[in-house]
Amino acid sequence: MTLSELQRLYANHDIVEAVIEPSIQANGWIVEFRHRRGGFVPLTDGAGSEKCYRDIDTATERAFEVGFHQVRIADTF
């Protein structure tokens, strides 16, 4: 979902957690949001492709733009 779509979900309390994790397809980090009904919703561009960021700080900023004040960093280490 795009940033504006996720902002609407956040305003409606439909997403309850922001998670940043390593991208499987690219060298970087993705931002996902846990839906209140279960499952995760990724941050995507307008074409529906998952957004990937080079560093955790930039990915965190996107989660903050949605409305969250903290994020969980998930890693595979």
Protein backbone atom coordinates (compact mmCIF):
# COMPACT_ATOMS: atom_id res chain seq x y z
CA MET A 1 0.00 0.00 0.00
CA THR A 2 1.13 3.51 -0.66
CA LEU A 3 2.08 5.95 2.08
CA SER A 4 -1.24 7.81 1.87
CA GLU A 5 -3.25 4.56 1.98
CA LEU A 6 -1.30 3.46 5.06
CA GLN A 7 -1.88 6.83 6.71
CA ARG A 8 -5.63 6.28 6.32
CA LEU A 9 -5.36 2.79 7.83
CA TYR A 10 -3.37 4.22 10.74
CA ALA A 11 -5.95 6.97 11.31
CA ASN A 12 -8.68 4.29 11.42
CA HIS A 13 -6.60 2.14 13.83
CA ASP A 14 -6.46 -0.68 11.27
CA ILE A 15 -2.67 -1.09 11.50
CA VAL A 16 -1.12 -1.59 14.91
CA GLU A 17 2.64 -2.00 14.46
CA ALA A 18 5.41 -0.89 12.11
CA VAL A 19 8.15 -3.42 11.37
CA ILE A 20 11.39 -2.89 9.45
CA GLU A 21 13.13 -5.99 8.16
CA PRO A 22 15.80 -6.95 5.65
CA SER A 23 14.60 -7.26 2.07
CA ILE A 24 14.74 -10.76 0.60
CA GLN A 25 14.95 -9.49 -2.99
CA ALA A 26 17.32 -6.56 -2.64
CA ASN A 27 20.11 -5.35 -0.40
CA GLY A 28 18.19 -3.05 1.90
CA TRP A 29 15.24 -2.72 4.25
CA ILE A 30 11.47 -2.90 3.78
CA VAL A 31 8.69 -1.46 5.94
CA GLU A 32 5.65 -3.56 6.80
CA PHE A 33 2.68 -2.85 9.03
CA ARG A 34 0.81 -5.41 11.10
CA HIS A 35 -2.92 -5.25 10.44
CA ARG A 36 -5.22 -5.46 13.47
CA ARG A 37 -6.94 -8.50 11.92
CA GLY A 38 -3.61 -10.27 11.34
CA GLY A 39 -1.10 -10.37 8.56
CA PHE A 40 1.24 -7.69 7.30
CA VAL A 41 0.77 -4.89 4.80
CA PRO A 42 3.94 -3.71 2.99
CA LEU A 43 4.74 -0.15 1.99
CA THR A 44 4.66 -0.05 -1.82
CA ASP A 45 4.93 2.47 -4.61
CA GLY A 46 1.96 3.48 -6.77
CA ALA A 47 2.51 0.46 -9.04
CA GLY A 48 2.34 -1.96 -6.11
CA SER A 49 6.06 -2.77 -5.91
CA GLU A 50 7.49 -3.12 -2.42
CA LYS A 51 9.63 -0.12 -1.47
CA CYS A 52 13.19 -0.96 -0.39
CA TYR A 53 15.47 1.46 1.46
CA ARG A 54 19.27 1.37 1.72
CA ASP A 55 19.37 2.07 5.44
CA ILE A 56 17.28 1.57 8.56
CA ASP A 57 17.05 5.30 9.26
CA THR A 58 15.27 6.08 5.97
CA ALA A 59 12.93 3.11 6.41
CA THR A 60 12.16 4.31 9.95
CA GLU A 61 11.33 7.79 8.66
CA ARG A 62 8.70 6.27 6.33
CA ALA A 63 7.07 4.45 9.26
CA PHE A 64 7.03 7.73 11.19
CA GLU A 65 5.35 9.44 8.20
CA VAL A 66 2.53 6.90 8.45
CA GLY A 67 2.00 7.99 12.06
CA PHE A 68 3.88 5.54 14.25
CA HIS A 69 6.20 6.86 16.95
CA GLN A 70 8.23 3.69 17.28
CA VAL A 71 9.10 0.75 15.05
CA ARG A 72 10.28 -2.79 15.58
CA ILE A 73 13.47 -3.77 13.78
CA ALA A 74 13.40 -7.43 12.75
CA ASP A 75 16.58 -9.02 11.48
CA THR A 76 17.78 -12.45 10.56
CA PHE A 77 20.95 -12.42 12.67
